Amino acid sequence: MRASLSIFLLAVVGIVVAAVAFANPALLPQHPGYPMGKATDPVNGQALANDSGRANGGGESALSGAAAFGERHMSQKLPINDQNQRLLEKPGAGMLPKVQGPNIVIDPPVKEATKVQASPQ
């Protein structure tokens, strides 16, 4: 039992290592990259960047791409309210809006308060 478990674990680790080693870079998402140009290693002549020759990832294209990425998640889409079709004007906080139809007036709940004489003690 112990030998079969260790052989199975070794096989799984080997498969994971092989998958990482033989990963296809063409399947990775394309991005503007970093401004490395054609920089090469002076010792063995290999390219210093995985994406050599690509343009810089900044500027107008990066800003528009970032804005388009979050547009679907960050925009607010409220349901259509049938009551808002009557609105003519929204005066602001604490005021009732002007609407088409009957003019509804809400009187304050208290018209006059009781007066209490202050008597110091």
PDB file of N, CA and C in Angstrom:
ATOM      1  N   MET A   1       0.824  -1.191   0.000  1.00  0.00           N
ATOM      2  CA  MET A   1       0.000   0.000   0.000  1.00  0.00           C
ATOM      3  C   MET A   1       0.866   1.253   0.000  1.00  0.00           C
ATOM      4  N   ARG A   2       1.909   1.213   0.829  1.00  0.00           N
ATOM      5  CA  ARG A   2       2.770   2.375   0.940  1.00  0.00           C
ATOM      6  C   ARG A   2       3.573   2.574  -0.343  1.00  0.00           C
ATOM      7  N   ALA A   3       4.014   1.509  -0.960  1.00  0.00           N
ATOM      8  CA  ALA A   3       4.790   1.611  -2.195  1.00  0.00           C
ATOM      9  C   ALA A   3       3.914   2.103  -3.347  1.00  0.00           C
ATOM     10  N   SER A   4       2.687   1.635  -3.442  1.00  0.00           N
ATOM     11  CA  SER A   4       1.815   2.070  -4.532  1.00  0.00           C
ATOM     12  C   SER A   4       1.430   3.539  -4.368  1.00  0.00           C
ATOM     13  N   LEU A   5       1.259   4.012  -3.130  1.00  0.00           N
ATOM     14  CA  LEU A   5       0.943   5.421  -2.891  1.00  0.00           C
ATOM     15  C   LEU A   5       2.111   6.314  -3.293  1.00  0.00           C
ATOM     16  N   SER A   6       3.318   5.896  -2.952  1.00  0.00           N
ATOM     17  CA  SER A   6       4.481   6.715  -3.309  1.00  0.00           C
ATOM     18  C   SER A   6       4.716   6.701  -4.824  1.00  0.00           C
ATOM     19  N   ILE A   7       4.468   5.583  -5.499  1.00  0.00           N
ATOM     20  CA  ILE A   7       4.606   5.528  -6.959  1.00  0.00           C
ATOM     21  C   ILE A   7       3.550   6.423  -7.616  1.00  0.00           C
ATOM     22  N   PHE A   8       2.340   6.405  -7.097  1.00  0.00           N
ATOM     23  CA  PHE A   8       1.271   7.248  -7.636  1.00  0.00           C
ATOM     24  C   PHE A   8       1.608   8.727  -7.441  1.00  0.00           C
ATOM     25  N   LEU A   9       2.102   9.082  -6.247  1.00  0.00           N
ATOM     26  CA  LEU A   9       2.479  10.472  -5.967  1.00  0.00           C
ATOM     27  C   LEU A   9       3.627  10.914  -6.865  1.00  0.00           C
ATOM     28  N   LEU A  10       4.600  10.037  -7.076  1.00  0.00           N
ATOM     29  CA  LEU A  10       5.731  10.349  -7.948  1.00  0.00           C
ATOM     30  C   LEU A  10       5.260  10.566  -9.388  1.00  0.00           C
ATOM     31  N   ALA A  11       4.304   9.762  -9.837  1.00  0.00           N
ATOM     32  CA  ALA A  11       3.775   9.915 -11.194  1.00  0.00           C
ATOM     33  C   ALA A  11       3.029  11.230 -11.345  1.00  0.00           C
ATOM     34  N   VAL A  12       2.258  11.620 -10.336  1.00  0.00           N
ATOM     35  CA  VAL A  12       1.519  12.888 -10.398  1.00  0.00           C
ATOM     36  C   VAL A  12       2.484  14.063 -10.421  1.00  0.00           C
ATOM     37  N   VAL A  13       3.506  14.033  -9.573  1.00  0.00           N
ATOM     38  CA  VAL A  13       4.503  15.104  -9.562  1.00  0.00           C
ATOM     39  C   VAL A  13       5.217  15.166 -10.906  1.00  0.00           C
ATOM     40  N   GLY A  14       5.547  14.022 -11.478  1.00  0.00           N
ATOM     41  CA  GLY A  14       6.203  13.998 -12.792  1.00  0.00           C
ATOM     42  C   GLY A  14       5.332  14.594 -13.889  1.00  0.00           C
ATOM     43  N   ILE A  15       4.041  14.306 -13.851  1.00  0.00           N
ATOM     44  CA  ILE A  15       3.129  14.869 -14.848  1.00  0.00           C
ATOM     45  C   ILE A  15       3.036  16.384 -14.704  1.00  0.00           C
ATOM     46  N   VAL A  16       2.964  16.873 -13.469  1.00  0.00           N
ATOM     47  CA  VAL A  16       2.882  18.322 -13.241  1.00  0.00           C
ATOM     48  C   VAL A  16       4.163  19.005 -13.704  1.00  0.00           C
ATOM     49  N   VAL A  17       5.304  18.427 -13.399  1.00  0.00           N
ATOM     50  CA  VAL A  17       6.587  19.012 -13.828  1.00  0.00           C
ATOM     51  C   VAL A  17       6.690  19.005 -15.348  1.00  0.00           C
ATOM     52  N   ALA A  18       6.261  17.931 -15.987  1.00  0.00           N
ATOM     53  CA  ALA A  18       6.302  17.869 -17.445  1.00  0.00           C
ATOM     54  C   ALA A  18       5.352  18.882 -18.070  1.00  0.00           C
ATOM     55  N   ALA A  19       4.189  19.081 -17.464  1.00  0.00           N
ATOM     56  CA  ALA A  19       3.232  20.060 -18.000  1.00  0.00           C
ATOM     57  C   ALA A  19       3.797  21.471 -17.927  1.00  0.00           C
ATOM     58  N   VAL A  20       4.484  21.774 -16.834  1.00  0.00           N
ATOM     59  CA  VAL A  20       5.093  23.101 -16.710  1.00  0.00           C
ATOM     60  C   VAL A  20       6.254  23.248 -17.695  1.00  0.00           C
ATOM     61  N   ALA A  21       7.035  22.204 -17.864  1.00  0.00           N
ATOM     62  CA  ALA A  21       8.206  22.278 -18.739  1.00  0.00           C
ATOM     63  C   ALA A  21       7.820  22.394 -20.210  1.00  0.00           C
ATOM     64  N   PHE A  22       6.748  21.733 -20.621  1.00  0.00           N
ATOM     65  CA  PHE A  22       6.349  21.739 -22.025  1.00  0.00           C
ATOM     66  C   PHE A  22       5.169  22.665 -22.309  1.00  0.00           C
ATOM     67  N   ALA A  23       4.935  23.620 -21.440  1.00  0.00           N
ATOM     68  CA  ALA A  23       3.812  24.544 -21.644  1.00  0.00           C
ATOM     69  C   ALA A  23       4.017  25.324 -22.929  1.00  0.00           C
ATOM     70  N   ASN A  24       2.952  25.546 -23.640  1.00  0.00           N
ATOM     71  CA  ASN A  24       3.004  26.248 -24.911  1.00  0.00           C
ATOM     72  C   ASN A  24       2.856  27.750 -24.673  1.00  0.00           C
ATOM     73  N   PRO A  25       3.895  28.551 -24.908  1.00  0.00           N
ATOM     74  CA  PRO A  25       3.782  29.988 -24.665  1.00  0.00           C
ATOM     75  C   PRO A  25       2.792  30.665 -25.613  1.00  0.00           C
ATOM     76  N   ALA A  26       2.442  30.019 -26.725  1.00  0.00           N
ATOM     77  CA  ALA A  26       1.464  30.617 -27.631  1.00  0.00           C
ATOM     78  C   ALA A  26       0.070  30.619 -27.020  1.00  0.00           C
ATOM     79  N   LEU A  27      -0.169  29.787 -26.014  1.00  0.00           N
ATOM     80  CA  LEU A  27      -1.464  29.759 -25.362  1.00  0.00           C
ATOM     81  C   LEU A  27      -1.616  30.835 -24.300  1.00  0.00           C
ATOM     82  N   LEU A  28      -0.523  31.493 -23.930  1.00  0.00           N
ATOM     83  CA  LEU A  28      -0.589  32.560 -22.942  1.00  0.00           C
ATOM     84  C   LEU A  28      -1.244  33.792 -23.563  1.00  0.00           C
ATOM     85  N   PRO A  29      -1.904  34.638 -22.758  1.00  0.00           N
ATOM     86  CA  PRO A  29      -2.542  35.838 -23.316  1.00  0.00           C
ATOM     87  C   PRO A  29      -1.497  36.811 -23.850  1.00  0.00           C
ATOM     88  N   GLN A  30      -1.833  37.460 -24.941  1.00  0.00           N
ATOM     89  CA  GLN A  30      -0.917  38.437 -25.537  1.00  0.00           C
ATOM     90  C   GLN A  30      -1.057  39.764 -24.800  1.00  0.00           C
ATOM     91  N   HIS A  31       0.056  40.420 -24.558  1.00  0.00           N
ATOM     92  CA  HIS A  31       0.064  41.719 -23.893  1.00  0.00           C
ATOM     93  C   HIS A  31       1.154  42.569 -24.514  1.00  0.00           C
ATOM     94  N   PRO A  32       1.122  43.883 -24.301  1.00  0.00           N
ATOM     95  CA  PRO A  32       2.131  44.741 -24.917  1.00  0.00           C
ATOM     96  C   PRO A  32       3.548  44.427 -24.473  1.00  0.00           C
ATOM     97  N   GLY A  33       3.750  43.983 -23.241  1.00  0.00           N
ATOM     98  CA  GLY A  33       5.081  43.586 -22.794  1.00  0.00           C
ATOM     99  C   GLY A  33       5.879  44.728 -22.207  1.00  0.00           C
ATOM    100  N   TYR A  34       7.173  44.523 -22.133  1.00  0.00           N
ATOM    101  CA  TYR A  34       8.075  45.506 -21.560  1.00  0.00           C
ATOM    102  C   TYR A  34       9.047  45.965 -22.635  1.00  0.00           C
ATOM    103  N   PRO A  35       9.549  47.171 -22.545  1.00  0.00           N
ATOM    104  CA  PRO A  35      10.401  47.708 -23.613  1.00  0.00           C
ATOM    105  C   PRO A  35      11.828  47.163 -23.576  1.00  0.00           C
ATOM    106  N   MET A  36      11.995  45.876 -23.846  1.00  0.00           N
ATOM    107  CA  MET A  36      13.330  45.273 -23.828  1.00  0.00           C
ATOM    108  C   MET A  36      14.036  45.404 -25.167  1.00  0.00           C
ATOM    109  N   GLY A  37      13.290  45.560 -26.224  1.00  0.00           N
ATOM    110  CA  GLY A  37      13.915  45.627 -27.534  1.00  0.00           C
ATOM    111  C   GLY A  37      14.558  44.299 -27.885  1.00  0.00           C
ATOM    112  N   LYS A  38      15.713  44.356 -28.497  1.00  0.00           N
ATOM    113  CA  LYS A  38      16.430  43.145 -28.912  1.00  0.00           C
ATOM    114  C   LYS A  38      17.615  42.872 -27.979  1.00  0.00           C
ATOM    115  N   ALA A  39      17.437  43.113 -26.673  1.00  0.00           N
ATOM    116  CA  ALA A  39      18.531  42.913 -25.724  1.00  0.00           C
ATOM    117  C   ALA A  39      18.887  41.436 -25.635  1.00  0.00           C
ATOM    118  N   THR A  40      20.186  41.141 -25.669  1.00  0.00           N
ATOM    119  CA  THR A  40      20.653  39.758 -25.601  1.00  0.00           C
ATOM    120  C   THR A  40      21.684  39.610 -24.493  1.00  0.00           C
ATOM    121  N   ASP A  41      21.809  38.407 -24.009  1.00  0.00           N
ATOM    122  CA  ASP A  41      22.777  38.085 -22.979  1.00  0.00           C
ATOM    123  C   ASP A  41      24.167  38.103 -23.604  1.00  0.00           C
ATOM    124  N   PRO A  42      25.152  38.817 -23.002  1.00  0.00           N
ATOM    125  CA  PRO A  42      26.484  38.895 -23.610  1.00  0.00           C
ATOM    126  C   PRO A  42      27.260  37.579 -23.559  1.00  0.00           C
ATOM    127  N   VAL A  43      26.863  36.661 -22.666  1.00  0.00           N
ATOM    128  CA  VAL A  43      27.611  35.419 -22.523  1.00  0.00           C
ATOM    129  C   VAL A  43      27.186  34.387 -23.572  1.00  0.00           C
ATOM    130  N   ASN A  44      25.887  34.079 -23.622  1.00  0.00           N
ATOM    131  CA  ASN A  44      25.471  33.022 -24.537  1.00  0.00           C
ATOM    132  C   ASN A  44      24.579  33.521 -25.674  1.00  0.00           C
ATOM    133  N   GLY A  45      24.250  34.803 -25.735  1.00  0.00           N
ATOM    134  CA  GLY A  45      23.515  35.364 -26.859  1.00  0.00           C
ATOM    135  C   GLY A  45      22.022  35.128 -26.851  1.00  0.00           C
ATOM    136  N   GLN A  46      21.464  34.623 -25.756  1.00  0.00           N
ATOM    137  CA  GLN A  46      20.021  34.411 -25.695  1.00  0.00           C
ATOM    138  C   GLN A  46      19.305  35.736 -25.402  1.00  0.00           C
ATOM    139  N   ALA A  47      18.044  35.810 -25.808  1.00  0.00           N
ATOM    140  CA  ALA A  47      17.250  37.014 -25.556  1.00  0.00           C
ATOM    141  C   ALA A  47      16.995  37.162 -24.056  1.00  0.00           C
ATOM    142  N   LEU A  48      17.015  38.389 -23.567  1.00  0.00           N
ATOM    143  CA  LEU A  48      16.822  38.636 -22.137  1.00  0.00           C
ATOM    144  C   LEU A  48      15.352  38.736 -21.753  1.00  0.00           C
ATOM    145  N   ALA A  49      14.466  38.819 -22.722  1.00  0.00           N
ATOM    146  CA  ALA A  49      13.040  38.919 -22.418  1.00  0.00           C
ATOM    147  C   ALA A  49      12.290  37.826 -23.145  1.00  0.00           C
ATOM    148  N   ASN A  50      11.188  37.377 -22.564  1.00  0.00           N
ATOM    149  CA  ASN A  50      10.361  36.381 -23.225  1.00  0.00           C
ATOM    150  C   ASN A  50       9.615  36.968 -24.410  1.00  0.00           C
ATOM    151  N   ASP A  51       9.424  38.266 -24.385  1.00  0.00           N
ATOM    152  CA  ASP A  51       8.669  38.936 -25.438  1.00  0.00           C
ATOM    153  C   ASP A  51       9.522  40.044 -26.062  1.00  0.00           C
ATOM    154  N   SER A  52      10.672  39.698 -26.540  1.00  0.00           N
ATOM    155  CA  SER A  52      11.590  40.707 -27.067  1.00  0.00           C
ATOM    156  C   SER A  52      11.009  41.388 -28.297  1.00  0.00           C
ATOM    157  N   GLY A  53      11.255  42.680 -28.409  1.00  0.00           N
ATOM    158  CA  GLY A  53      10.811  43.442 -29.555  1.00  0.00           C
ATOM    159  C   GLY A  53       9.417  44.007 -29.447  1.00  0.00           C
ATOM    160  N   ARG A  54       8.714  43.748 -28.378  1.00  0.00           N
ATOM    161  CA  ARG A  54       7.360  44.296 -28.239  1.00  0.00           C
ATOM    162  C   ARG A  54       7.420  45.723 -27.717  1.00  0.00           C
ATOM    163  N   ALA A  55       6.332  46.455 -27.924  1.00  0.00           N
ATOM    164  CA  ALA A  55       6.271  47.847 -27.484  1.00  0.00           C
ATOM    165  C   ALA A  55       6.021  47.922 -25.981  1.00  0.00           C
ATOM    166  N   ASN A  56       6.185  49.110 -25.426  1.00  0.00           N
ATOM    167  CA  ASN A  56       5.969  49.335 -24.012  1.00  0.00           C
ATOM    168  C   ASN A  56       4.497  49.157 -23.667  1.00  0.00           C
ATOM    169  N   GLY A  57       4.214  48.703 -22.447  1.00  0.00           N
ATOM    170  CA  GLY A  57       2.852  48.446 -22.017  1.00  0.00           C
ATOM    171  C   GLY A  57       2.153  49.662 -21.451  1.00  0.00           C
ATOM    172  N   GLY A  58       2.639  50.853 -21.669  1.00  0.00           N
ATOM    173  CA  GLY A  58       2.004  52.059 -21.133  1.00  0.00           C
ATOM    174  C   GLY A  58       1.348  52.868 -22.220  1.00  0.00           C
ATOM    175  N   GLY A  59       0.891  54.035 -21.849  1.00  0.00           N
ATOM    176  CA  GLY A  59       0.329  54.947 -22.828  1.00  0.00           C
ATOM    177  C   GLY A  59      -1.163  54.787 -23.017  1.00  0.00           C
ATOM    178  N   GLU A  60      -1.630  55.291 -24.132  1.00  0.00           N
ATOM    179  CA  GLU A  60      -3.061  55.357 -24.409  1.00  0.00           C
ATOM    180  C   GLU A  60      -3.689  53.979 -24.561  1.00  0.00           C
ATOM    181  N   SER A  61      -2.985  53.044 -25.178  1.00  0.00           N
ATOM    182  CA  SER A  61      -3.567  51.714 -25.389  1.00  0.00           C
ATOM    183  C   SER A  61      -3.752  50.976 -24.059  1.00  0.00           C
ATOM    184  N   ALA A  62      -2.819  51.148 -23.122  1.00  0.00           N
ATOM    185  CA  ALA A  62      -2.946  50.493 -21.822  1.00  0.00           C
ATOM    186  C   ALA A  62      -4.100  51.089 -21.019  1.00  0.00           C
ATOM    187  N   LEU A  63      -4.269  52.409 -21.093  1.00  0.00           N
ATOM    188  CA  LEU A  63      -5.355  53.053 -20.362  1.00  0.00           C
ATOM    189  C   LEU A  63      -6.716  52.652 -20.918  1.00  0.00           C
ATOM    190  N   SER A  64      -6.842  52.626 -22.225  1.00  0.00           N
ATOM    191  CA  SER A  64      -8.135  52.249 -22.808  1.00  0.00           C
ATOM    192  C   SER A  64      -8.426  50.770 -22.579  1.00  0.00           C
ATOM    193  N   GLY A  65      -7.402  49.936 -22.600  1.00  0.00           N
ATOM    194  CA  GLY A  65      -7.604  48.516 -22.316  1.00  0.00           C
ATOM    195  C   GLY A  65      -8.025  48.283 -20.875  1.00  0.00           C
ATOM    196  N   ALA A  66      -7.435  49.022 -19.939  1.00  0.00           N
ATOM    197  CA  ALA A  66      -7.805  48.885 -18.534  1.00  0.00           C
ATOM    198  C   ALA A  66      -9.221  49.385 -18.295  1.00  0.00           C
ATOM    199  N   ALA A  67      -9.603  50.460 -18.969  1.00  0.00           N
ATOM    200  CA  ALA A  67     -10.956  50.991 -18.803  1.00  0.00           C
ATOM    201  C   ALA A  67     -11.988  50.035 -19.382  1.00  0.00           C
ATOM    202  N   ALA A  68     -11.680  49.418 -20.500  1.00  0.00           N
ATOM    203  CA  ALA A  68     -12.628  48.496 -21.125  1.00  0.00           C
ATOM    204  C   ALA A  68     -12.738  47.198 -20.330  1.00  0.00           C
ATOM    205  N   PHE A  69     -11.674  46.818 -19.618  1.00  0.00           N
ATOM    206  CA  PHE A  69     -11.686  45.568 -18.863  1.00  0.00           C
ATOM    207  C   PHE A  69     -12.712  45.608 -17.739  1.00  0.00           C
ATOM    208  N   GLY A  70     -12.765  46.708 -16.995  1.00  0.00           N
ATOM    209  CA  GLY A  70     -13.648  46.780 -15.840  1.00  0.00           C
ATOM    210  C   GLY A  70     -15.009  47.369 -16.125  1.00  0.00           C
ATOM    211  N   GLU A  71     -15.297  47.739 -17.347  1.00  0.00           N
ATOM    212  CA  GLU A  71     -16.551  48.410 -17.670  1.00  0.00           C
ATOM    213  C   GLU A  71     -17.769  47.565 -17.312  1.00  0.00           C
ATOM    214  N   ARG A  72     -17.724  46.296 -17.607  1.00  0.00           N
ATOM    215  CA  ARG A  72     -18.881  45.437 -17.384  1.00  0.00           C
ATOM    216  C   ARG A  72     -19.144  45.234 -15.900  1.00  0.00           C
ATOM    217  N   HIS A  73     -18.099  45.214 -15.081  1.00  0.00           N
ATOM    218  CA  HIS A  73     -18.264  44.932 -13.662  1.00  0.00           C
ATOM    219  C   HIS A  73     -18.565  46.177 -12.845  1.00  0.00           C
ATOM    220  N   MET A  74     -18.090  47.339 -13.296  1.00  0.00           N
ATOM    221  CA  MET A  74     -18.192  48.535 -12.467  1.00  0.00           C
ATOM    222  C   MET A  74     -19.325  49.469 -12.857  1.00  0.00           C
ATOM    223  N   SER A  75     -19.989  49.245 -13.970  1.00  0.00           N
ATOM    224  CA  SER A  75     -21.070  50.143 -14.350  1.00  0.00           C
ATOM    225  C   SER A  75     -22.346  49.755 -13.610  1.00  0.00           C
ATOM    226  N   GLN A  76     -23.129  50.769 -13.282  1.00  0.00           N
ATOM    227  CA  GLN A  76     -24.347  50.537 -12.521  1.00  0.00           C
ATOM    228  C   GLN A  76     -25.530  50.490 -13.482  1.00  0.00           C
ATOM    229  N   LYS A  77     -26.273  49.422 -13.438  1.00  0.00           N
ATOM    230  CA  LYS A  77     -27.443  49.271 -14.294  1.00  0.00           C
ATOM    231  C   LYS A  77     -28.668  49.096 -13.396  1.00  0.00           C
ATOM    232  N   LEU A  78     -29.411  50.176 -13.237  1.00  0.00           N
ATOM    233  CA  LEU A  78     -30.581  50.155 -12.377  1.00  0.00           C
ATOM    234  C   LEU A  78     -31.805  49.718 -13.171  1.00  0.00           C
ATOM    235  N   PRO A  79     -32.739  49.039 -12.522  1.00  0.00           N
ATOM    236  CA  PRO A  79     -33.963  48.656 -13.240  1.00  0.00           C
ATOM    237  C   PRO A  79     -34.801  49.897 -13.554  1.00  0.00           C
ATOM    238  N   ILE A  80     -35.576  49.819 -14.619  1.00  0.00           N
ATOM    239  CA  ILE A  80     -36.409  50.946 -15.026  1.00  0.00           C
ATOM    240  C   ILE A  80     -37.585  51.050 -14.059  1.00  0.00           C
ATOM    241  N   ASN A  81     -37.765  52.247 -13.506  1.00  0.00           N
ATOM    242  CA  ASN A  81     -38.841  52.490 -12.561  1.00  0.00           C
ATOM    243  C   ASN A  81     -39.941  53.251 -13.293  1.00  0.00           C
ATOM    244  N   ASP A  82     -41.166  52.717 -13.309  1.00  0.00           N
ATOM    245  CA  ASP A  82     -42.275  53.366 -14.010  1.00  0.00           C
ATOM    246  C   ASP A  82     -42.653  54.693 -13.373  1.00  0.00           C
ATOM    247  N   GLN A  83     -42.380  54.857 -12.088  1.00  0.00           N
ATOM    248  CA  GLN A  83     -42.742  56.100 -11.407  1.00  0.00           C
ATOM    249  C   GLN A  83     -41.868  57.267 -11.863  1.00  0.00           C
ATOM    250  N   ASN A  84     -40.656  56.998 -12.350  1.00  0.00           N
ATOM    251  CA  ASN A  84     -39.759  58.067 -12.761  1.00  0.00           C
ATOM    252  C   ASN A  84     -40.165  58.701 -14.093  1.00  0.00           C
ATOM    253  N   GLN A  85     -41.104  58.101 -14.817  1.00  0.00           N
ATOM    254  CA  GLN A  85     -41.513  58.676 -16.094  1.00  0.00           C
ATOM    255  C   GLN A  85     -42.345  59.938 -15.890  1.00  0.00           C
ATOM    256  N   ARG A  86     -42.912  60.119 -14.705  1.00  0.00           N
ATOM    257  CA  ARG A  86     -43.718  61.314 -14.427  1.00  0.00           C
ATOM    258  C   ARG A  86     -42.886  62.492 -13.954  1.00  0.00           C
ATOM    259  N   LEU A  87     -41.614  62.296 -13.646  1.00  0.00           N
ATOM    260  CA  LEU A  87     -40.784  63.356 -13.078  1.00  0.00           C
ATOM    261  C   LEU A  87     -40.552  64.476 -14.078  1.00  0.00           C
ATOM    262  N   LEU A  88     -40.733  65.712 -13.612  1.00  0.00           N
ATOM    263  CA  LEU A  88     -40.401  66.890 -14.413  1.00  0.00           C
ATOM    264  C   LEU A  88     -39.108  67.532 -13.939  1.00  0.00           C
ATOM    265  N   GLU A  89     -38.921  67.549 -12.609  1.00  0.00           N
ATOM    266  CA  GLU A  89     -37.758  68.220 -12.040  1.00  0.00           C
ATOM    267  C   GLU A  89     -37.430  67.598 -10.697  1.00  0.00           C
ATOM    268  N   LYS A  90     -36.140  67.419 -10.431  1.00  0.00           N
ATOM    269  CA  LYS A  90     -35.695  66.942  -9.122  1.00  0.00           C
ATOM    270  C   LYS A  90     -34.976  68.096  -8.432  1.00  0.00           C
ATOM    271  N   PRO A  91     -35.619  68.779  -7.476  1.00  0.00           N
ATOM    272  CA  PRO A  91     -34.992  69.942  -6.866  1.00  0.00           C
ATOM    273  C   PRO A  91     -33.836  69.614  -5.928  1.00  0.00           C
ATOM    274  N   GLY A  92     -33.768  68.432  -5.364  1.00  0.00           N
ATOM    275  CA  GLY A  92     -32.642  68.091  -4.504  1.00  0.00           C
ATOM    276  C   GLY A  92     -33.092  67.412  -3.231  1.00  0.00           C
ATOM    277  N   ALA A  93     -32.163  67.287  -2.298  1.00  0.00           N
ATOM    278  CA  ALA A  93     -32.438  66.568  -1.059  1.00  0.00           C
ATOM    279  C   ALA A  93     -33.399  67.359  -0.187  1.00  0.00           C
ATOM    280  N   GLY A  94     -34.355  66.680   0.424  1.00  0.00           N
ATOM    281  CA  GLY A  94     -35.303  67.314   1.327  1.00  0.00           C
ATOM    282  C   GLY A  94     -36.483  67.961   0.629  1.00  0.00           C
ATOM    283  N   MET A  95     -36.512  67.982  -0.676  1.00  0.00           N
ATOM    284  CA  MET A  95     -37.594  68.608  -1.435  1.00  0.00           C
ATOM    285  C   MET A  95     -38.291  67.535  -2.260  1.00  0.00           C
ATOM    286  N   LEU A  96     -39.592  67.662  -2.412  1.00  0.00           N
ATOM    287  CA  LEU A  96     -40.328  66.730  -3.245  1.00  0.00           C
ATOM    288  C   LEU A  96     -40.138  67.089  -4.715  1.00  0.00           C
ATOM    289  N   PRO A  97     -40.018  66.102  -5.582  1.00  0.00           N
ATOM    290  CA  PRO A  97     -39.851  66.407  -7.003  1.00  0.00           C
ATOM    291  C   PRO A  97     -41.160  66.895  -7.622  1.00  0.00           C
ATOM    292  N   LYS A  98     -41.030  67.677  -8.694  1.00  0.00           N
ATOM    293  CA  LYS A  98     -42.204  68.122  -9.441  1.00  0.00           C
ATOM    294  C   LYS A  98     -42.550  67.039 -10.455  1.00  0.00           C
ATOM    295  N   VAL A  99     -43.817  66.604 -10.463  1.00  0.00           N
ATOM    296  CA  VAL A  99     -44.246  65.505 -11.316  1.00  0.00           C
ATOM    297  C   VAL A  99     -45.460  65.924 -12.136  1.00  0.00           C
ATOM    298  N   GLN A 100     -45.722  65.200 -13.200  1.00  0.00           N
ATOM    299  CA  GLN A 100     -46.951  65.392 -13.962  1.00  0.00           C
ATOM    300  C   GLN A 100     -48.094  64.770 -13.173  1.00  0.00           C
ATOM    301  N   GLY A 101     -49.237  65.413 -13.198  1.00  0.00           N
ATOM    302  CA  GLY A 101     -50.376  64.856 -12.484  1.00  0.00           C
ATOM    303  C   GLY A 101     -50.716  65.688 -11.269  1.00  0.00           C
ATOM    304  N   PRO A 102     -51.386  65.111 -10.277  1.00  0.00           N
ATOM    305  CA  PRO A 102     -51.812  65.894  -9.113  1.00  0.00           C
ATOM    306  C   PRO A 102     -50.620  66.365  -8.296  1.00  0.00           C
ATOM    307  N   ASN A 103     -50.757  67.581  -7.761  1.00  0.00           N
ATOM    308  CA  ASN A 103     -49.707  68.171  -6.940  1.00  0.00           C
ATOM    309  C   ASN A 103     -49.938  67.723  -5.499  1.00  0.00           C
ATOM    310  N   ILE A 104     -49.113  66.879  -4.993  1.00  0.00           N
ATOM    311  CA  ILE A 104     -49.262  66.330  -3.642  1.00  0.00           C
ATOM    312  C   ILE A 104     -48.451  67.182  -2.684  1.00  0.00           C
ATOM    313  N   VAL A 105     -49.118  67.646  -1.641  1.00  0.00           N
ATOM    314  CA  VAL A 105     -48.449  68.463  -0.631  1.00  0.00           C
ATOM    315  C   VAL A 105     -48.466  67.684   0.679  1.00  0.00           C
ATOM    316  N   ILE A 106     -47.308  67.558   1.289  1.00  0.00           N
ATOM    317  CA  ILE A 106     -47.208  66.866   2.574  1.00  0.00           C
ATOM    318  C   ILE A 106     -46.967  67.917   3.638  1.00  0.00           C
ATOM    319  N   ASP A 107     -47.949  68.053   4.533  1.00  0.00           N
ATOM    320  CA  ASP A 107     -47.815  69.029   5.611  1.00  0.00           C
ATOM    321  C   ASP A 107     -46.924  68.449   6.696  1.00  0.00           C
ATOM    322  N   PRO A 108     -46.225  69.326   7.441  1.00  0.00           N
ATOM    323  CA  PRO A 108     -45.423  68.817   8.551  1.00  0.00           C
ATOM    324  C   PRO A 108     -46.327  68.201   9.618  1.00  0.00           C
ATOM    325  N   PRO A 109     -45.877  67.169  10.308  1.00  0.00           N
ATOM    326  CA  PRO A 109     -46.730  66.490  11.287  1.00  0.00           C
ATOM    327  C   PRO A 109     -47.086  67.362  12.492  1.00  0.00           C
ATOM    328  N   VAL A 110     -46.279  68.375  12.814  1.00  0.00           N
ATOM    329  CA  VAL A 110     -46.538  69.234  13.975  1.00  0.00           C
ATOM    330  C   VAL A 110     -46.669  70.660  13.477  1.00  0.00           C
ATOM    331  N   LYS A 111     -47.820  71.297  13.782  1.00  0.00           N
ATOM    332  CA  LYS A 111     -48.020  72.678  13.354  1.00  0.00           C
ATOM    333  C   LYS A 111     -47.571  73.655  14.438  1.00  0.00           C
ATOM    334  N   GLU A 112     -47.820  73.302  15.685  1.00  0.00           N
ATOM    335  CA  GLU A 112     -47.447  74.204  16.764  1.00  0.00           C
ATOM    336  C   GLU A 112     -47.005  73.351  17.951  1.00  0.00           C
ATOM    337  N   ALA A 113     -45.930  73.732  18.562  1.00  0.00           N
ATOM    338  CA  ALA A 113     -45.423  72.984  19.719  1.00  0.00           C
ATOM    339  C   ALA A 113     -45.963  73.573  21.007  1.00  0.00           C
ATOM    340  N   THR A 114     -46.008  72.794  22.044  1.00  0.00           N
ATOM    341  CA  THR A 114     -46.418  73.291  23.356  1.00  0.00           C
ATOM    342  C   THR A 114     -45.312  74.158  23.933  1.00  0.00           C
ATOM    343  N   LYS A 115     -45.722  75.265  24.525  1.00  0.00           N
ATOM    344  CA  LYS A 115     -44.752  76.179  25.098  1.00  0.00           C
ATOM    345  C   LYS A 115     -44.640  75.911  26.588  1.00  0.00           C
ATOM    346  N   VAL A 116     -43.451  75.742  27.064  1.00  0.00           N
ATOM    347  CA  VAL A 116     -43.212  75.494  28.491  1.00  0.00           C
ATOM    348  C   VAL A 116     -42.424  76.671  29.026  1.00  0.00           C
ATOM    349  N   GLN A 117     -42.912  77.235  30.134  1.00  0.00           N
ATOM    350  CA  GLN A 117     -42.204  78.351  30.753  1.00  0.00           C
ATOM    351  C   GLN A 117     -41.003  77.791  31.520  1.00  0.00           C
ATOM    352  N   ALA A 118     -39.874  78.356  31.263  1.00  0.00           N
ATOM    353  CA  ALA A 118     -38.673  77.916  31.972  1.00  0.00           C
ATOM    354  C   ALA A 118     -38.648  78.557  33.348  1.00  0.00           C
ATOM    355  N   SER A 119     -38.571  77.733  34.353  1.00  0.00           N
ATOM    356  CA  SER A 119     -38.498  78.284  35.708  1.00  0.00           C
ATOM    357  C   SER A 119     -37.244  77.742  36.365  1.00  0.00           C
ATOM    358  N   PRO A 120     -36.275  78.598  36.629  1.00  0.00           N
ATOM    359  CA  PRO A 120     -35.035  78.111  37.271  1.00  0.00           C
ATOM    360  C   PRO A 120     -35.295  77.679  38.699  1.00  0.00           C
ATOM    361  N   GLN A 121     -34.666  76.652  39.127  1.00  0.00           N
ATOM    362  CA  GLN A 121     -34.861  76.164  40.485  1.00  0.00           C
ATOM    363  C   GLN A 121     -33.592  76.177  41.270  1.00  0.00           C
TER     364      GLN A 121
END
